[in-house]
Structure formats: C-alpha cells, structure tokens
C-alpha cells in the first residue's frame, strides 16, 4: 500500500487489508510505505488513526517508512493510491518488477478512480477515504481468493 508520505491513505489501506484478510482466514504480509521520507518513523496522521479506530482497526503500531528496492522483490502486489504514485513507482521499479504495481482502485475493479489525499482536508475526507479503501480491499480479498502466502505492500 503506497501513497506519498505514508501517514494518511496507505496506513488506512494497510490496516483495512490486514483486518479483511484476517477475517477471511488468509495469511499474507501486508505493509505500507511512502514515496517520500517526510514522515519516516512517525505514526499515521491522527485523523487516520481516529477514523480507523471508529471501525475497530488500530493503526498505532504502524510507523511511516519509504518504499525500498527490496519491496519490489518481497511483495507480490504493490498498490498505489493514485496515478501520480503509480507513475513514480513505475519509474522506481527495476526491470520486470512493473507487473507487481497496480492502482488499487483499478485492481479492485472500480475503474481508474484515485484515492484522494485527505491530508489537507477534514474529518469527512478521511471518512470518505476509509470507505473507498474498505470497498477496494474487500474486492481485492474477494478477487484473489488465495490460500497461499502472499506479500502485499
């Protein structure tokens, strides 16, 4: 799960996906990362934490980090939150690793829609992002229907 700074959208996506996979009985490594290190080591945004908590998801164990070259080898799927993040990931990926990168909403079957960055928005913007990601993550879990171990970032 990848966004720009790894404090708003991608931590929410990580928390939601972990919860859905757990409920589905699917074993997978799920992580999140940012493209930039503005917030490395920081907790997710307090509004992301509050929104997730409202739905029974605890994000307080997460810390922001930057995506690394190793992530492209370690994870089977890399989900970008928006087109700009997708384009940057495609440029950063090594040869043959591009197939792992997906726009999360498109992979979920929701079209080329982007997950908007709520950072400069209100609580309702975080709520909207939560619901978009909740729908996308459920569709992804339903779509992949896996029994083997996958790694997701």
N, C-alpha and C. Protein backbone atom coordinates (compact mmCIF):
# COMPACT_ATOMS: atom_id res chain seq x y z
N UNK A 1 0.86 -1.15 0.00
CA UNK A 1 0.00 0.00 0.00
C UNK A 1 0.91 1.23 0.00
N UNK A 2 0.84 2.04 -1.05
CA UNK A 2 1.79 3.13 -1.19
C UNK A 2 1.08 4.44 -1.50
N UNK A 3 1.41 5.47 -0.73
CA UNK A 3 0.99 6.84 -1.03
C UNK A 3 2.21 7.73 -0.92
N UNK A 4 2.01 9.02 -0.87
CA UNK A 4 3.15 9.94 -0.90
C UNK A 4 3.98 9.90 0.38
N UNK A 5 3.35 10.12 1.53
CA UNK A 5 4.10 10.23 2.77
C UNK A 5 3.92 9.10 3.76
N UNK A 6 3.00 8.18 3.48
CA UNK A 6 2.73 7.02 4.34
C UNK A 6 2.20 7.40 5.71
N UNK A 7 1.32 8.42 5.74
CA UNK A 7 0.68 8.74 7.02
C UNK A 7 -0.85 8.82 6.93
N UNK A 8 -1.41 8.89 5.75
CA UNK A 8 -2.87 9.02 5.63
C UNK A 8 -3.51 7.81 4.95
N UNK A 9 -3.38 7.74 3.63
CA UNK A 9 -4.07 6.71 2.86
C UNK A 9 -3.46 5.33 3.02
N UNK A 10 -2.17 5.21 2.83
CA UNK A 10 -1.57 3.86 2.86
C UNK A 10 -1.65 3.19 4.24
N UNK A 11 -1.52 3.92 5.35
CA UNK A 11 -1.72 3.24 6.64
C UNK A 11 -3.16 2.75 6.80
N UNK A 12 -4.12 3.54 6.33
CA UNK A 12 -5.51 3.09 6.37
C UNK A 12 -5.68 1.83 5.53
N UNK A 13 -5.13 1.84 4.32
CA UNK A 13 -5.24 0.68 3.44
C UNK A 13 -4.58 -0.55 4.08
N UNK A 14 -3.43 -0.36 4.69
CA UNK A 14 -2.76 -1.48 5.37
C UNK A 14 -3.64 -2.05 6.47
N UNK A 15 -4.15 -1.19 7.32
CA UNK A 15 -4.99 -1.64 8.43
C UNK A 15 -6.26 -2.34 7.96
N UNK A 16 -6.91 -1.77 6.97
CA UNK A 16 -8.14 -2.36 6.43
C UNK A 16 -7.85 -3.72 5.81
N UNK A 17 -6.80 -3.80 4.99
CA UNK A 17 -6.47 -5.05 4.31
C UNK A 17 -6.11 -6.13 5.32
N UNK A 18 -5.33 -5.79 6.33
CA UNK A 18 -4.97 -6.78 7.35
C UNK A 18 -6.23 -7.33 8.03
N UNK A 19 -7.15 -6.46 8.37
CA UNK A 19 -8.38 -6.87 9.02
C UNK A 19 -9.21 -7.79 8.12
N UNK A 20 -9.33 -7.45 6.86
CA UNK A 20 -10.14 -8.24 5.93
C UNK A 20 -9.50 -9.60 5.65
N UNK A 21 -8.19 -9.63 5.50
CA UNK A 21 -7.51 -10.91 5.28
C UNK A 21 -7.63 -11.81 6.50
N UNK A 22 -7.50 -11.23 7.68
CA UNK A 22 -7.63 -11.99 8.91
C UNK A 22 -9.03 -12.60 9.00
N UNK A 23 -10.05 -11.80 8.74
CA UNK A 23 -11.43 -12.30 8.78
C UNK A 23 -11.67 -13.38 7.74
N UNK A 24 -10.97 -13.30 6.60
CA UNK A 24 -11.12 -14.29 5.54
C UNK A 24 -10.26 -15.52 5.77
N UNK A 25 -9.42 -15.49 6.81
CA UNK A 25 -8.54 -16.61 7.10
C UNK A 25 -7.40 -16.76 6.11
N UNK A 26 -6.98 -15.65 5.53
CA UNK A 26 -5.91 -15.65 4.53
C UNK A 26 -4.63 -15.11 5.17
N UNK A 27 -3.57 -15.90 5.07
CA UNK A 27 -2.27 -15.48 5.61
C UNK A 27 -1.52 -14.67 4.55
N UNK A 28 -1.16 -13.46 4.88
CA UNK A 28 -0.40 -12.61 3.97
C UNK A 28 0.33 -11.54 4.77
N UNK A 29 1.48 -11.13 4.27
CA UNK A 29 2.19 -9.99 4.84
C UNK A 29 1.66 -8.74 4.15
N UNK A 30 1.24 -7.78 4.94
CA UNK A 30 0.73 -6.52 4.42
C UNK A 30 1.52 -5.40 5.07
N UNK A 31 1.95 -4.44 4.28
CA UNK A 31 2.72 -3.32 4.81
C UNK A 31 2.32 -2.08 4.01
N UNK A 32 2.79 -0.96 4.44
CA UNK A 32 2.56 0.28 3.69
C UNK A 32 3.85 1.07 3.67
N UNK A 33 3.94 1.97 2.68
CA UNK A 33 5.14 2.78 2.52
C UNK A 33 4.78 4.06 1.78
N UNK A 34 5.68 5.00 1.83
CA UNK A 34 5.52 6.25 1.11
C UNK A 34 6.61 6.40 0.07
N UNK A 35 6.38 7.30 -0.83
CA UNK A 35 7.39 7.58 -1.85
C UNK A 35 8.45 8.56 -1.33
N UNK A 36 8.07 9.37 -0.36
CA UNK A 36 8.99 10.35 0.21
C UNK A 36 9.17 10.09 1.70
N UNK A 37 10.27 10.58 2.24
CA UNK A 37 10.56 10.31 3.66
C UNK A 37 10.23 11.48 4.58
N UNK A 38 9.25 12.28 4.20
CA UNK A 38 8.86 13.42 5.04
C UNK A 38 8.52 13.00 6.47
N UNK A 39 7.89 11.85 6.60
CA UNK A 39 7.34 11.44 7.90
C UNK A 39 7.94 10.14 8.43
N UNK A 40 9.05 9.68 7.87
CA UNK A 40 9.62 8.39 8.27
C UNK A 40 9.74 8.29 9.78
N UNK A 41 9.25 7.18 10.32
CA UNK A 41 9.28 6.92 11.75
C UNK A 41 8.09 7.46 12.51
N UNK A 42 7.25 8.25 11.85
CA UNK A 42 6.09 8.86 12.51
C UNK A 42 4.88 7.94 12.50
N UNK A 43 4.03 8.14 13.48
CA UNK A 43 2.72 7.49 13.50
C UNK A 43 1.89 7.97 12.31
N UNK A 44 0.88 7.20 11.92
CA UNK A 44 -0.06 7.73 10.92
C UNK A 44 -0.71 9.02 11.44
N UNK A 45 -1.23 9.80 10.53
CA UNK A 45 -1.95 11.03 10.87
C UNK A 45 -3.03 10.71 11.91
N UNK A 46 -3.19 11.60 12.88
CA UNK A 46 -4.17 11.35 13.96
C UNK A 46 -5.58 11.17 13.42
N UNK A 47 -5.88 11.78 12.28
CA UNK A 47 -7.21 11.62 11.69
C UNK A 47 -7.37 10.24 11.06
N UNK A 48 -6.30 9.68 10.51
CA UNK A 48 -6.34 8.30 10.02
C UNK A 48 -6.51 7.33 11.18
N UNK A 49 -5.77 7.58 12.26
CA UNK A 49 -5.88 6.73 13.45
C UNK A 49 -7.30 6.76 13.99
N UNK A 50 -7.88 7.95 14.11
CA UNK A 50 -9.24 8.09 14.65
C UNK A 50 -10.28 7.43 13.75
N UNK A 51 -10.13 7.62 12.44
CA UNK A 51 -11.09 7.03 11.51
C UNK A 51 -11.01 5.51 11.56
N UNK A 52 -9.81 4.96 11.54
CA UNK A 52 -9.64 3.51 11.61
C UNK A 52 -10.19 2.96 12.92
N UNK A 53 -9.90 3.65 14.00
CA UNK A 53 -10.36 3.22 15.33
C UNK A 53 -11.88 3.13 15.39
N UNK A 54 -12.54 4.04 14.73
CA UNK A 54 -14.01 4.05 14.67
C UNK A 54 -14.55 2.73 14.11
N UNK A 55 -13.74 2.05 13.27
CA UNK A 55 -14.14 0.80 12.64
C UNK A 55 -13.40 -0.41 13.21
N UNK A 56 -12.81 -0.22 14.38
CA UNK A 56 -12.16 -1.33 15.07
C UNK A 56 -10.79 -1.70 14.57
N UNK A 57 -10.11 -0.76 13.92
CA UNK A 57 -8.77 -1.01 13.39
C UNK A 57 -7.77 -0.12 14.11
N UNK A 58 -6.71 -0.72 14.63
CA UNK A 58 -5.68 0.01 15.37
C UNK A 58 -4.47 0.25 14.48
N UNK A 59 -4.18 1.50 14.21
CA UNK A 59 -3.02 1.86 13.37
C UNK A 59 -1.82 2.31 14.19
N UNK A 60 -1.93 2.31 15.51
CA UNK A 60 -0.88 2.90 16.34
C UNK A 60 0.42 2.09 16.36
N UNK A 61 0.40 0.88 15.83
CA UNK A 61 1.63 0.10 15.74
C UNK A 61 2.40 0.38 14.46
N UNK A 62 1.81 1.15 13.56
CA UNK A 62 2.46 1.47 12.29
C UNK A 62 3.38 2.68 12.42
N UNK A 63 4.43 2.69 11.61
CA UNK A 63 5.33 3.83 11.51
C UNK A 63 5.60 4.08 10.04
N UNK A 64 5.60 5.34 9.66
CA UNK A 64 5.84 5.70 8.26
C UNK A 64 7.24 5.28 7.84
N UNK A 65 7.33 4.87 6.58
CA UNK A 65 8.61 4.50 6.01
C UNK A 65 8.56 4.75 4.51
N UNK A 66 9.72 4.77 3.89
CA UNK A 66 9.83 4.92 2.44
C UNK A 66 9.87 3.54 1.79
N UNK A 67 9.33 3.48 0.60
CA UNK A 67 9.43 2.24 -0.17
C UNK A 67 10.90 2.02 -0.52
N UNK A 68 11.29 0.76 -0.61
CA UNK A 68 12.68 0.42 -0.93
C UNK A 68 12.71 -0.49 -2.15
N UNK A 69 13.87 -0.62 -2.73
CA UNK A 69 14.05 -1.55 -3.86
C UNK A 69 13.70 -2.98 -3.44
N UNK A 70 13.99 -3.34 -2.20
CA UNK A 70 13.68 -4.69 -1.72
C UNK A 70 12.18 -4.97 -1.72
N UNK A 71 11.36 -3.93 -1.54
CA UNK A 71 9.91 -4.12 -1.55
C UNK A 71 9.43 -4.71 -2.87
N UNK A 72 10.10 -4.36 -3.96
CA UNK A 72 9.69 -4.85 -5.27
C UNK A 72 9.99 -6.33 -5.45
N UNK A 73 10.88 -6.85 -4.63
CA UNK A 73 11.18 -8.28 -4.66
C UNK A 73 10.36 -9.03 -3.61
N UNK A 74 10.14 -8.39 -2.48
CA UNK A 74 9.47 -9.03 -1.35
C UNK A 74 7.97 -9.18 -1.54
N UNK A 75 7.32 -8.19 -2.13
CA UNK A 75 5.86 -8.17 -2.19
C UNK A 75 5.33 -8.58 -3.56
N UNK A 76 4.28 -9.38 -3.54
CA UNK A 76 3.65 -9.86 -4.77
C UNK A 76 2.84 -8.77 -5.45
N UNK A 77 2.22 -7.91 -4.68
CA UNK A 77 1.43 -6.79 -5.20
C UNK A 77 1.86 -5.51 -4.51
N UNK A 78 1.94 -4.45 -5.28
CA UNK A 78 2.20 -3.12 -4.74
C UNK A 78 1.05 -2.25 -5.24
N UNK A 79 0.30 -1.70 -4.29
CA UNK A 79 -0.89 -0.92 -4.62
C UNK A 79 -0.65 0.57 -4.41
N UNK A 80 -0.75 1.33 -5.49
CA UNK A 80 -0.61 2.79 -5.44
C UNK A 80 -1.98 3.40 -5.18
N UNK A 81 -2.00 4.47 -4.40
CA UNK A 81 -3.26 5.12 -4.06
C UNK A 81 -3.76 6.05 -5.16
N UNK A 82 -2.85 6.58 -5.97
CA UNK A 82 -3.28 7.48 -7.05
C UNK A 82 -2.35 7.34 -8.25
N UNK A 83 -2.73 8.00 -9.33
CA UNK A 83 -1.99 7.86 -10.59
C UNK A 83 -0.56 8.39 -10.49
N UNK A 84 -0.36 9.48 -9.78
CA UNK A 84 0.99 10.04 -9.64
C UNK A 84 1.89 9.06 -8.88
N UNK A 85 1.37 8.48 -7.79
CA UNK A 85 2.14 7.47 -7.05
C UNK A 85 2.42 6.27 -7.94
N UNK A 86 1.45 5.87 -8.74
CA UNK A 86 1.62 4.76 -9.67
C UNK A 86 2.75 5.05 -10.66
N UNK A 87 2.72 6.24 -11.25
CA UNK A 87 3.75 6.62 -12.22
C UNK A 87 5.13 6.64 -11.58
N UNK A 88 5.22 7.19 -10.37
CA UNK A 88 6.51 7.24 -9.67
C UNK A 88 7.01 5.84 -9.32
N UNK A 89 6.11 4.97 -8.91
CA UNK A 89 6.50 3.59 -8.63
C UNK A 89 7.00 2.89 -9.88
N UNK A 90 6.35 3.13 -11.01
CA UNK A 90 6.77 2.51 -12.27
C UNK A 90 8.18 2.96 -12.65
N UNK A 91 8.50 4.22 -12.39
CA UNK A 91 9.84 4.74 -12.69
C UNK A 91 10.89 4.15 -11.73
N UNK A 92 10.50 3.89 -10.52
CA UNK A 92 11.41 3.40 -9.48
C UNK A 92 11.66 1.89 -9.60
N UNK A 93 10.69 1.18 -10.15
CA UNK A 93 10.78 -0.28 -10.24
C UNK A 93 11.92 -0.72 -11.14
N UNK A 94 12.48 -1.86 -10.81
CA UNK A 94 13.50 -2.45 -11.66
C UNK A 94 12.87 -3.18 -12.84
N UNK A 95 13.69 -3.56 -13.78
CA UNK A 95 13.20 -4.27 -14.97
C UNK A 95 12.47 -5.55 -14.55
N UNK A 96 11.26 -5.72 -15.05
CA UNK A 96 10.46 -6.90 -14.76
C UNK A 96 9.63 -6.80 -13.49
N UNK A 97 9.81 -5.75 -12.72
CA UNK A 97 9.06 -5.59 -11.47
C UNK A 97 7.78 -4.76 -11.65
N UNK A 98 7.63 -4.17 -12.82
CA UNK A 98 6.48 -3.28 -13.06
C UNK A 98 5.14 -4.01 -12.94
N UNK A 99 5.13 -5.29 -13.24
CA UNK A 99 3.87 -6.05 -13.21
C UNK A 99 3.30 -6.18 -11.80
N UNK A 100 4.10 -5.92 -10.79
CA UNK A 100 3.64 -6.00 -9.40
C UNK A 100 2.87 -4.75 -8.98
N UNK A 101 3.02 -3.67 -9.73
CA UNK A 101 2.46 -2.37 -9.36
C UNK A 101 1.06 -2.21 -9.95
N UNK A 102 0.14 -1.83 -9.10
CA UNK A 102 -1.26 -1.65 -9.51
C UNK A 102 -1.85 -0.39 -8.87
N UNK A 103 -2.75 0.24 -9.57
CA UNK A 103 -3.57 1.29 -8.98
C UNK A 103 -4.65 0.58 -8.18
N UNK A 104 -4.71 0.81 -6.90
CA UNK A 104 -5.55 -0.01 -6.01
C UNK A 104 -7.02 -0.06 -6.46
N UNK A 105 -7.57 1.07 -6.85
CA UNK A 105 -8.98 1.09 -7.23
C UNK A 105 -9.21 0.33 -8.54
N UNK A 106 -8.28 0.43 -9.46
CA UNK A 106 -8.40 -0.29 -10.73
C UNK A 106 -8.28 -1.80 -10.51
N UNK A 107 -7.31 -2.22 -9.71
CA UNK A 107 -7.14 -3.64 -9.41
C UNK A 107 -8.39 -4.20 -8.75
N UNK A 108 -9.04 -3.39 -7.94
CA UNK A 108 -10.26 -3.81 -7.24
C UNK A 108 -11.48 -3.85 -8.16
N UNK A 109 -11.31 -3.43 -9.40
CA UNK A 109 -12.42 -3.44 -10.33
C UNK A 109 -13.30 -2.21 -10.24
N UNK A 110 -12.75 -1.13 -9.72
CA UNK A 110 -13.51 0.11 -9.54
C UNK A 110 -13.09 1.19 -10.53
N UNK A 111 -12.43 0.80 -11.61
CA UNK A 111 -12.01 1.76 -12.63
C UNK A 111 -10.73 2.47 -12.26
N UNK A 112 -10.40 3.48 -13.01
CA UNK A 112 -9.15 4.22 -12.81
C UNK A 112 -9.30 5.33 -11.77
N UNK A 113 -10.29 5.19 -10.92
CA UNK A 113 -10.54 6.14 -9.84
C UNK A 113 -9.34 6.17 -8.90
N UNK A 114 -9.06 7.35 -8.36
CA UNK A 114 -7.96 7.51 -7.42
C UNK A 114 -8.50 7.63 -6.00
N UNK A 115 -7.65 7.29 -5.05
CA UNK A 115 -7.96 7.53 -3.64
C UNK A 115 -7.43 8.93 -3.34
N UNK A 116 -8.33 9.88 -3.08
CA UNK A 116 -7.86 11.26 -2.87
C UNK A 116 -7.04 11.41 -1.59
N UNK A 117 -6.07 12.30 -1.62
CA UNK A 117 -5.24 12.56 -0.45
C UNK A 117 -6.03 13.46 0.51
N UNK A 118 -6.35 12.97 1.71
CA UNK A 118 -7.15 13.76 2.65
C UNK A 118 -6.33 14.68 3.55
N UNK A 119 -5.02 14.71 3.38
CA UNK A 119 -4.13 15.40 4.31
C UNK A 119 -4.57 16.84 4.61
N UNK A 120 -4.92 17.59 3.59
CA UNK A 120 -5.32 18.99 3.81
C UNK A 120 -6.82 19.14 3.98
N UNK A 121 -7.51 18.02 4.14
CA UNK A 121 -8.96 18.04 4.24
C UNK A 121 -9.46 17.93 5.67
N UNK A 122 -10.72 17.59 5.75
CA UNK A 122 -11.41 17.50 7.03
C UNK A 122 -11.59 16.04 7.44
N UNK A 123 -12.20 15.85 8.59
CA UNK A 123 -12.51 14.51 9.08
C UNK A 123 -13.36 13.75 8.08
N UNK A 124 -14.28 14.44 7.43
CA UNK A 124 -15.14 13.77 6.44
C UNK A 124 -14.34 13.28 5.24
N UNK A 125 -13.24 13.95 4.90
CA UNK A 125 -12.38 13.48 3.82
C UNK A 125 -11.69 12.17 4.20
N UNK A 126 -11.29 12.04 5.44
CA UNK A 126 -10.69 10.79 5.92
C UNK A 126 -11.73 9.68 5.94
N UNK A 127 -12.94 10.03 6.31
CA UNK A 127 -14.04 9.06 6.31
C UNK A 127 -14.31 8.57 4.88
N UNK A 128 -14.32 9.47 3.93
CA UNK A 128 -14.51 9.10 2.53
C UNK A 128 -13.41 8.16 2.06
N UNK A 129 -12.16 8.48 2.38
CA UNK A 129 -11.02 7.64 2.01
C UNK A 129 -11.17 6.25 2.64
N UNK A 130 -11.58 6.21 3.89
CA UNK A 130 -11.78 4.93 4.56
C UNK A 130 -12.77 4.07 3.77
N UNK A 131 -13.89 4.64 3.39
CA UNK A 131 -14.93 3.86 2.70
C UNK A 131 -14.47 3.42 1.31
N UNK A 132 -13.73 4.26 0.60
CA UNK A 132 -13.17 3.86 -0.69
C UNK A 132 -12.23 2.67 -0.52
N UNK A 133 -11.35 2.77 0.46
CA UNK A 133 -10.38 1.71 0.68
C UNK A 133 -11.02 0.44 1.23
N UNK A 134 -12.03 0.59 2.06
CA UNK A 134 -12.74 -0.56 2.59
C UNK A 134 -13.37 -1.36 1.44
N UNK A 135 -14.01 -0.67 0.52
CA UNK A 135 -14.61 -1.32 -0.64
C UNK A 135 -13.53 -1.97 -1.51
N UNK A 136 -12.47 -1.24 -1.79
CA UNK A 136 -11.40 -1.77 -2.64
C UNK A 136 -10.75 -3.00 -2.01
N UNK A 137 -10.43 -2.92 -0.73
CA UNK A 137 -9.77 -4.04 -0.06
C UNK A 137 -10.67 -5.27 -0.02
N UNK A 138 -11.96 -5.08 0.21
CA UNK A 138 -12.87 -6.22 0.20
C UNK A 138 -12.91 -6.86 -1.18
N UNK A 139 -12.97 -6.04 -2.21
CA UNK A 139 -12.98 -6.56 -3.58
C UNK A 139 -11.69 -7.29 -3.91
N UNK A 140 -10.58 -6.79 -3.42
CA UNK A 140 -9.29 -7.45 -3.67
C UNK A 140 -9.27 -8.81 -2.97
N UNK A 141 -9.69 -8.84 -1.72
CA UNK A 141 -9.74 -10.12 -0.99
C UNK A 141 -10.65 -11.10 -1.73
N UNK A 142 -11.80 -10.63 -2.16
CA UNK A 142 -12.73 -11.49 -2.90
C UNK A 142 -12.13 -11.94 -4.23
N UNK A 143 -11.39 -11.05 -4.87
CA UNK A 143 -10.82 -11.34 -6.19
C UNK A 143 -9.69 -12.36 -6.13
N UNK A 144 -8.80 -12.18 -5.20
CA UNK A 144 -7.63 -13.07 -5.19
C UNK A 144 -7.92 -14.43 -4.56
N UNK A 145 -8.85 -14.49 -3.64
CA UNK A 145 -9.26 -15.77 -3.03
C UNK A 145 -8.09 -16.74 -2.93
N UNK A 146 -7.14 -16.37 -2.13
CA UNK A 146 -5.91 -17.14 -2.07
C UNK A 146 -5.86 -18.05 -0.85
N UNK A 147 -5.13 -19.09 -0.96
CA UNK A 147 -4.84 -19.94 0.18
C UNK A 147 -3.34 -20.00 0.45
N UNK A 148 -2.57 -19.45 -0.48
CA UNK A 148 -1.13 -19.42 -0.30
C UNK A 148 -0.72 -18.11 0.33
N UNK A 149 0.49 -18.04 0.77
CA UNK A 149 1.03 -16.87 1.44
C UNK A 149 1.45 -15.82 0.39
N UNK A 150 0.88 -14.62 0.49
CA UNK A 150 1.26 -13.50 -0.39
C UNK A 150 1.81 -12.38 0.46
N UNK A 151 2.60 -11.56 -0.16
CA UNK A 151 3.12 -10.36 0.49
C UNK A 151 2.57 -9.15 -0.22
N UNK A 152 1.95 -8.24 0.51
CA UNK A 152 1.34 -7.03 -0.05
C UNK A 152 1.95 -5.79 0.57
N UNK A 153 2.22 -4.79 -0.22
CA UNK A 153 2.67 -3.50 0.30
C UNK A 153 1.84 -2.41 -0.29
